[in-house]
C-alpha atoms as a PDB file:
ATOM      1  CA  MET A   1     114.983  90.220  96.291  1.00  0.00           C
ATOM      2  CA  PRO A   2     118.794  90.507  95.922  1.00  0.00           C
ATOM      3  CA  ALA A   3     118.222  94.116  94.862  1.00  0.00           C
ATOM      4  CA  ASP A   4     116.886  94.879  98.355  1.00  0.00           C
ATOM      5  CA  MET A   5     119.246  92.890 100.557  1.00  0.00           C
ATOM      6  CA  SER A   6     122.629  91.204 100.690  1.00  0.00           C
ATOM      7  CA  ILE A   7     122.923  87.426 100.773  1.00  0.00           C
ATOM      8  CA  PRO A   8     126.078  85.541 101.823  1.00  0.00           C
ATOM      9  CA  LEU A   9     127.799  83.798  98.874  1.00  0.00           C
ATOM     10  CA  GLN A  10     125.879  86.021  96.439  1.00  0.00           C
ATOM     11  CA  GLY A  11     127.674  89.351  96.838  1.00  0.00           C
ATOM     12  CA  MET A  12     128.319  89.982  93.154  1.00  0.00           C
ATOM     13  CA  TYR A  13     124.807  88.815  92.202  1.00  0.00           C
ATOM     14  CA  CYS A  14     123.244  91.125  94.810  1.00  0.00           C
ATOM     15  CA  ALA A  15     125.450  94.023  93.703  1.00  0.00           C
ATOM     16  CA  SER A  16     124.445  93.602  90.063  1.00  0.00           C
ATOM     17  CA  ASN A  17     120.761  93.383  91.051  1.00  0.00           C
ATOM     18  CA  HIS A  18     121.088  96.564  93.089  1.00  0.00           C
ATOM     19  CA  ALA A  19     122.738  98.262  90.096  1.00  0.00           C
ATOM     20  CA  VAL A  20     119.823  97.207  87.862  1.00  0.00           C
ATOM     21  CA  LYS A  21     117.365  98.542  90.474  1.00  0.00           C
ATOM     22  CA  SER A  22     119.152 101.904  90.551  1.00  0.00           C
ATOM     23  CA  PHE A  23     119.321 102.064  86.753  1.00  0.00           C
ATOM     24  CA  ILE A  24     115.593 101.259  86.369  1.00  0.00           C
ATOM     25  CA  ASN A  25     114.675 103.875  88.996  1.00  0.00           C
ATOM     26  CA  THR A  26     116.803 106.470  87.176  1.00  0.00           C
ATOM     27  CA  LEU A  27     115.235 105.612  83.817  1.00  0.00           C
ATOM     28  CA  ARG A  28     111.786 105.874  85.379  1.00  0.00           C
ATOM     29  CA  MET A  29     112.466 109.376  86.735  1.00  0.00           C
ATOM     30  CA  GLU A  30     114.110 110.608  83.522  1.00  0.00           C
ATOM     31  CA  SER A  31     111.248 109.235  81.450  1.00  0.00           C
ATOM     32  CA  GLU A  32     108.667 110.931  83.692  1.00  0.00           C
ATOM     33  CA  CYS A  33     110.555 114.255  83.500  1.00  0.00           C
ATOM     34  CA  ALA A  34     110.582 114.012  79.704  1.00  0.00           C
ATOM     35  CA  GLY A  35     106.844 113.272  79.653  1.00  0.00           C
ATOM     36  CA  GLU A  36     107.385 109.941  77.912  1.00  0.00           C
ATOM     37  CA  PRO A  37     104.531 107.423  78.220  1.00  0.00           C
ATOM     38  CA  ILE A  38     106.796 104.551  79.324  1.00  0.00           C
ATOM     39  CA  SER A  39     106.373 102.309  82.338  1.00  0.00           C
ATOM     40  CA  PHE A  40     109.354 100.657  84.019  1.00  0.00           C
ATOM     41  CA  THR A  41     108.718  97.644  86.237  1.00  0.00           C
ATOM     42  CA  LEU A  42     111.359  95.939  88.336  1.00  0.00           C
ATOM     43  CA  ILE A  43     110.599  92.247  88.831  1.00  0.00           C
ATOM     44  CA  LYS A  44     112.020  90.877  92.083  1.00  0.00           C
ATOM     45  CA  PRO A  45     111.830  87.091  92.277  1.00  0.00           C
ATOM     46  CA  ALA A  46     112.686  84.814  95.178  1.00  0.00           C
ATOM     47  CA  SER A  47     114.654  81.663  94.293  1.00  0.00           C
ATOM     48  CA  VAL A  48     113.717  80.593  90.772  1.00  0.00           C
ATOM     49  CA  ASN A  49     114.318  77.245  89.068  1.00  0.00           C
ATOM     50  CA  SER A  50     116.801  78.568  86.496  1.00  0.00           C
ATOM     51  CA  MET A  51     120.273  77.531  85.361  1.00  0.00           C
ATOM     52  CA  LEU A  52     121.979  79.838  87.870  1.00  0.00           C
ATOM     53  CA  THR A  53     123.590  77.178  90.046  1.00  0.00           C
ATOM     54  CA  GLU A  54     124.772  75.171  87.042  1.00  0.00           C
ATOM     55  CA  HIS A  55     126.475  78.156  85.414  1.00  0.00           C
ATOM     56  CA  ALA A  56     127.516  80.393  88.309  1.00  0.00           C
ATOM     57  CA  ARG A  57     131.105  80.407  89.434  1.00  0.00           C
ATOM     58  CA  ASN A  58     131.528  78.423  92.614  1.00  0.00           C
ATOM     59  CA  ASP A  59     134.462  78.945  94.957  1.00  0.00           C
ATOM     60  CA  THR A  60     133.189  76.586  97.656  1.00  0.00           C
ATOM     61  CA  PRO A  61     133.967  72.865  97.738  1.00  0.00           C
ATOM     62  CA  ASP A  62     130.272  71.872  97.656  1.00  0.00           C
ATOM     63  CA  LYS A  63     127.760  72.130  94.822  1.00  0.00           C
ATOM     64  CA  PRO A  64     125.770  75.375  94.915  1.00  0.00           C
ATOM     65  CA  ASP A  65     122.038  75.331  95.564  1.00  0.00           C
ATOM     66  CA  LEU A  66     119.236  77.880  95.821  1.00  0.00           C
ATOM     67  CA  PRO A  67     117.601  78.606  99.181  1.00  0.00           C
ATOM     68  CA  PRO A  68     114.135  77.052  99.339  1.00  0.00           C
ATOM     69  CA  PRO A  69     111.420  77.424  98.387  1.00  0.00           C
ATOM     70  CA  VAL A  70     112.345  77.441  94.694  1.00  0.00           C
ATOM     71  CA  PHE A  71     109.663  78.747  92.341  1.00  0.00           C
ATOM     72  CA  ALA A  72     108.929  77.807  88.733  1.00  0.00           C
ATOM     73  CA  ILE A  73     110.477  80.142  86.183  1.00  0.00           C
ATOM     74  CA  ARG A  74     107.078  80.500  84.486  1.00  0.00           C
ATOM     75  CA  LEU A  75     106.007  82.677  87.439  1.00  0.00           C
ATOM     76  CA  VAL A  76     108.632  85.241  86.435  1.00  0.00           C
ATOM     77  CA  ALA A  77     107.431  85.009  82.824  1.00  0.00           C
ATOM     78  CA  ASN A  78     103.868  85.634  84.018  1.00  0.00           C
ATOM     79  CA  ALA A  79     105.081  88.646  86.013  1.00  0.00           C
ATOM     80  CA  ARG A  80     106.737  90.038  82.875  1.00  0.00           C
ATOM     81  CA  LEU A  81     103.499  89.609  80.925  1.00  0.00           C
ATOM     82  CA  HIS A  82     101.560  91.335  83.721  1.00  0.00           C
ATOM     83  CA  ALA A  83     104.046  94.240  83.727  1.00  0.00           C
ATOM     84  CA  ALA A  84     103.688  94.641  79.965  1.00  0.00           C
ATOM     85  CA  VAL A  85      99.959  95.303  80.364  1.00  0.00           C
ATOM     86  CA  HIS A  86      99.741  96.889  83.840  1.00  0.00           C
ATOM     87  CA  PRO A  87     102.085  99.763  84.711  1.00  0.00           C
ATOM     88  CA  VAL A  88     103.375  98.914  88.192  1.00  0.00           C
ATOM     89  CA  ARG A  89     106.622  99.929  89.874  1.00  0.00           C
ATOM     90  CA  ASP A  90     107.697  96.574  91.337  1.00  0.00           C
ATOM     91  CA  ILE A  91     106.481  92.998  91.156  1.00  0.00           C
ATOM     92  CA  TYR A  92     107.603  90.472  93.751  1.00  0.00           C
ATOM     93  CA  VAL A  93     107.524  86.829  92.675  1.00  0.00           C
ATOM     94  CA  GLY A  94     107.145  84.400  95.563  1.00  0.00           C
ATOM     95  CA  GLU A  95     106.182  85.268  99.131  1.00  0.00           C
ATOM     96  CA  PRO A  96     109.792  85.100 100.429  1.00  0.00           C
ATOM     97  CA  ALA A  97     110.726  87.947  98.080  1.00  0.00           C
ATOM     98  CA  ILE A  98     108.194  90.226  99.782  1.00  0.00           C
ATOM     99  CA  SER A  99     108.774  89.181 103.379  1.00  0.00           C
ATOM    100  CA  SER A 100     112.583  89.083 103.148  1.00  0.00           C
ATOM    101  CA  ALA A 101     112.841  92.494 101.507  1.00  0.00           C
ATOM    102  CA  SER A 102     110.445  94.004 104.058  1.00  0.00           C
ATOM    103  CA  PHE A 103     112.284  92.434 106.991  1.00  0.00           C
ATOM    104  CA  ALA A 104     115.656  93.603 105.660  1.00  0.00           C
ATOM    105  CA  GLN A 105     114.336  97.152 105.470  1.00  0.00           C
ATOM    106  CA  LEU A 106     112.632  97.144 108.884  1.00  0.00           C
ATOM    107  CA  ALA A 107     115.342  95.331 110.852  1.00  0.00           C
ATOM    108  CA  PRO A 108     118.574  95.317 108.829  1.00  0.00           C
ATOM    109  CA  GLY A 109     120.856  94.133 111.646  1.00  0.00           C
ATOM    110  CA  ILE A 110     118.648  91.195 112.608  1.00  0.00           C
ATOM    111  CA  SER A 111     118.092  90.392 108.935  1.00  0.00           C
ATOM    112  CA  ASP A 112     121.851  90.299 108.304  1.00  0.00           C
ATOM    113  CA  MET A 113     122.373  88.026 111.306  1.00  0.00           C
ATOM    114  CA  MET A 114     119.631  85.616 110.196  1.00  0.00           C
ATOM    115  CA  LEU A 115     120.892  85.530 106.615  1.00  0.00           C
ATOM    116  CA  LYS A 116     124.429  84.893 107.844  1.00  0.00           C
ATOM    117  CA  VAL A 117     123.336  82.040 110.105  1.00  0.00           C
ATOM    118  CA  PHE A 118     120.716  80.329 107.928  1.00  0.00           C
ATOM    119  CA  THR A 119     121.328  80.986 104.244  1.00  0.00           C
ATOM    120  CA  TYR A 120     124.981  79.953 103.993  1.00  0.00           C
ATOM    121  CA  ASN A 121     124.198  76.254 104.410  1.00  0.00           C
ATOM    122  CA  LEU A 122     120.938  76.477 102.440  1.00  0.00           C
ATOM    123  CA  GLN A 123     122.933  77.507  99.372  1.00  0.00           C
ATOM    124  CA  GLN A 124     125.131  74.437  99.303  1.00  0.00           C
ATOM    125  CA  LYS A 125     124.246  70.849  98.584  1.00  0.00           C
ATOM    126  CA  ASN A 126     125.841  68.231 100.767  1.00  0.00           C
ATOM    127  CA  GLU A 127     127.932  66.906  97.877  1.00  0.00           C
ATOM    128  CA  LYS A 128     131.256  67.915  96.380  1.00  0.00           C
ATOM    129  CA  ASP A 129     131.375  70.124  93.293  1.00  0.00           C
ATOM    130  CA  ASN A 130     133.538  68.172  90.858  1.00  0.00           C
ATOM    131  CA  ARG A 131     133.329  70.569  87.923  1.00  0.00           C
ATOM    132  CA  ASN A 132     136.731  70.651  86.271  1.00  0.00           C
ATOM    133  CA  ASP A 133     136.403  74.037  84.624  1.00  0.00           C
ATOM    134  CA  ASN A 134     134.995  76.699  86.917  1.00  0.00           C
ATOM    135  CA  ARG A 135     135.989  79.673  84.738  1.00  0.00           C
ATOM    136  CA  ASN A 136     132.518  80.637  83.557  1.00  0.00           C
ATOM    137  CA  LEU A 137     133.513  84.289  83.303  1.00  0.00           C
ATOM    138  CA  PHE A 138     135.983  83.463  80.550  1.00  0.00           C
ATOM    139  CA  VAL A 139     134.797  80.246  78.882  1.00  0.00           C
ATOM    140  CA  SER A 140     131.250  79.440  77.810  1.00  0.00           C
ATOM    141  CA  LYS A 141     129.579  76.521  79.553  1.00  0.00           C
ATOM    142  CA  GLY A 142     127.776  75.734  76.309  1.00  0.00           C
ATOM    143  CA  GLU A 143     124.159  75.985  75.297  1.00  0.00           C
ATOM    144  CA  GLY A 144     121.516  76.324  77.987  1.00  0.00           C
ATOM    145  CA  ALA A 145     118.909  73.633  78.407  1.00  0.00           C
ATOM    146  CA  LEU A 146     115.152  74.014  78.460  1.00  0.00           C
ATOM    147  CA  LEU A 147     113.783  73.455  81.923  1.00  0.00           C
ATOM    148  CA  GLU A 148     110.572  71.825  82.915  1.00  0.00           C
ATOM    149  CA  CYS A 149     108.407  74.509  84.507  1.00  0.00           C
ATOM    150  CA  GLY A 150     108.298  72.792  87.841  1.00  0.00           C
ATOM    151  CA  GLY A 151     109.050  74.065  91.278  1.00  0.00           C
ATOM    152  CA  TYR A 152     108.803  73.160  94.890  1.00  0.00           C
END
């Protein structure tokens, strides 16, 4: 979804997703021109229960959060397995990924206004972020943790 639209507080994340989308599309075309039997699938998830908010840099005073609904990470894993067997161009994970991307394409001005008004607060918990070291670009936050495959 961030590859198809811009989300307040996630500018760098959206930009990197758009770069990946462009790179995958370029690889797809080059592979087709070369006659290579390779399929490239771009998986576009909605909010996923990952470690993003725990590890992402946060420049706001409140703890970061993902806009609901938040889907289980196993759904993205299932999409990857599906893409490995079925050559498809894009796979959207979670209904909001489809509807938001479509709305952003059909009505970009209204989409921007709605994202600006609604998603800013949805991405912040109503509690202070007391992390002492918020330099995740330069210092490792340590080993990741295994997550329970739950969701909302």
